[in-house]
Amino acid sequence: MRHALPNPYPQRPPKRYKTALLTWVGVFPTITTLLYILSPPLASLPLVLRTFVLSVIMVPLLAYVVMPPLNRWARPWLFPKRHFHDGW
């Protein structure tokens, strides 16, 4: 069994505003598309039930389909390369 050495330069989490903006970029088109597709068939349901159905579809869609490629695409912006000065 191999053990990895700890990273001497741990990666900091992205700035909160970047995470919020990227989440919005994923959520807005997803919810707009789902509302466009699902509004007619769900129109007769009460608001709480429509919201429940929409969220049950949207959350896994975001977690497994939308956000992973979006995070990969935005990685350079989320985690800009830091230059370390080692004293030389």
Protein backbone atom coordinates (compact mmCIF):
# COMPACT_ATOMS: atom_id res chain seq x y z
CA MET A 1 0.00 0.00 0.00
CA ARG A 2 1.42 3.37 -1.03
CA HIS A 3 1.10 6.47 1.08
CA ALA A 4 1.14 9.86 -0.56
CA LEU A 5 3.21 12.60 0.94
CA PRO A 6 1.22 15.59 2.17
CA ASN A 7 1.04 18.46 -0.26
CA PRO A 8 3.39 21.21 1.00
CA TYR A 9 1.18 23.79 -0.74
CA PRO A 10 -2.43 22.86 0.03
CA GLN A 11 -4.97 24.29 -2.34
CA ARG A 12 -7.19 26.94 -0.84
CA PRO A 13 -10.89 26.79 -1.59
CA PRO A 14 -12.07 29.22 -4.28
CA LYS A 15 -13.34 32.65 -3.33
CA ARG A 16 -16.93 32.51 -2.21
CA TYR A 17 -18.16 34.95 -4.87
CA LYS A 18 -16.66 32.70 -7.56
CA THR A 19 -18.43 29.66 -6.16
CA ALA A 20 -21.71 31.58 -5.97
CA LEU A 21 -21.40 32.91 -9.51
CA LEU A 22 -20.51 29.51 -10.95
CA THR A 23 -23.45 27.93 -9.11
CA TRP A 24 -25.77 30.55 -10.58
CA VAL A 25 -24.33 29.89 -14.06
CA GLY A 26 -25.30 26.23 -13.61
CA VAL A 27 -28.65 26.76 -11.88
CA PHE A 28 -30.16 29.46 -14.09
CA PRO A 29 -30.20 27.61 -17.43
CA THR A 30 -31.07 24.33 -15.71
CA ILE A 31 -34.11 25.70 -13.88
CA THR A 32 -35.19 27.70 -16.94
CA THR A 33 -35.08 24.60 -19.14
CA LEU A 34 -36.86 22.44 -16.57
CA LEU A 35 -39.59 25.04 -16.07
CA TYR A 36 -40.07 25.30 -19.83
CA ILE A 37 -40.38 21.53 -20.18
CA LEU A 38 -42.27 20.70 -16.98
CA SER A 39 -44.60 23.67 -16.53
CA PRO A 40 -47.38 22.42 -18.82
CA PRO A 41 -47.63 18.90 -17.35
CA LEU A 42 -47.27 20.12 -13.76
CA ALA A 43 -49.56 23.16 -14.05
CA SER A 44 -52.48 21.49 -12.29
CA LEU A 45 -50.42 20.50 -9.22
CA PRO A 46 -50.21 22.67 -6.11
CA LEU A 47 -47.17 24.96 -5.91
CA VAL A 48 -45.45 22.94 -3.17
CA LEU A 49 -45.76 19.73 -5.16
CA ARG A 50 -44.49 21.42 -8.36
CA THR A 51 -41.52 22.78 -6.42
CA PHE A 52 -40.84 19.34 -4.94
CA VAL A 53 -40.89 17.63 -8.36
CA LEU A 54 -38.69 20.33 -9.86
CA SER A 55 -36.13 20.10 -7.04
CA VAL A 56 -36.05 16.28 -7.10
CA ILE A 57 -35.06 16.46 -10.79
CA MET A 58 -32.87 19.55 -10.63
CA VAL A 59 -30.56 18.72 -7.70
CA PRO A 60 -29.21 15.42 -9.09
CA LEU A 61 -29.03 16.95 -12.57
CA LEU A 62 -26.86 19.76 -11.22
CA ALA A 63 -24.74 17.51 -9.00
CA TYR A 64 -23.98 14.83 -11.60
CA VAL A 65 -24.48 16.39 -15.04
CA VAL A 66 -24.18 20.18 -15.02
CA MET A 67 -21.68 21.16 -12.31
CA PRO A 68 -18.83 18.66 -12.90
CA PRO A 69 -18.02 19.88 -16.43
CA LEU A 70 -18.72 23.47 -15.40
CA ASN A 71 -16.23 23.14 -12.53
CA ARG A 72 -13.63 21.61 -14.86
CA TRP A 73 -14.15 24.41 -17.37
CA ALA A 74 -13.85 27.09 -14.66
CA ARG A 75 -10.91 25.50 -12.79
CA PRO A 76 -8.32 28.03 -14.03
CA TRP A 77 -10.56 30.85 -12.82
CA LEU A 78 -11.53 29.16 -9.55
CA PHE A 79 -7.97 28.10 -8.72
CA PRO A 80 -5.54 30.52 -10.34
CA LYS A 81 -1.94 29.37 -10.30
CA ARG A 82 -0.05 30.83 -7.38
CA HIS A 83 3.64 31.49 -7.71
CA PHE A 84 5.65 30.54 -4.66
CA HIS A 85 8.88 32.18 -3.73
CA ASP A 86 11.18 29.64 -2.14
CA GLY A 87 13.76 32.15 -0.94
CA TRP A 88 16.17 31.91 -3.89
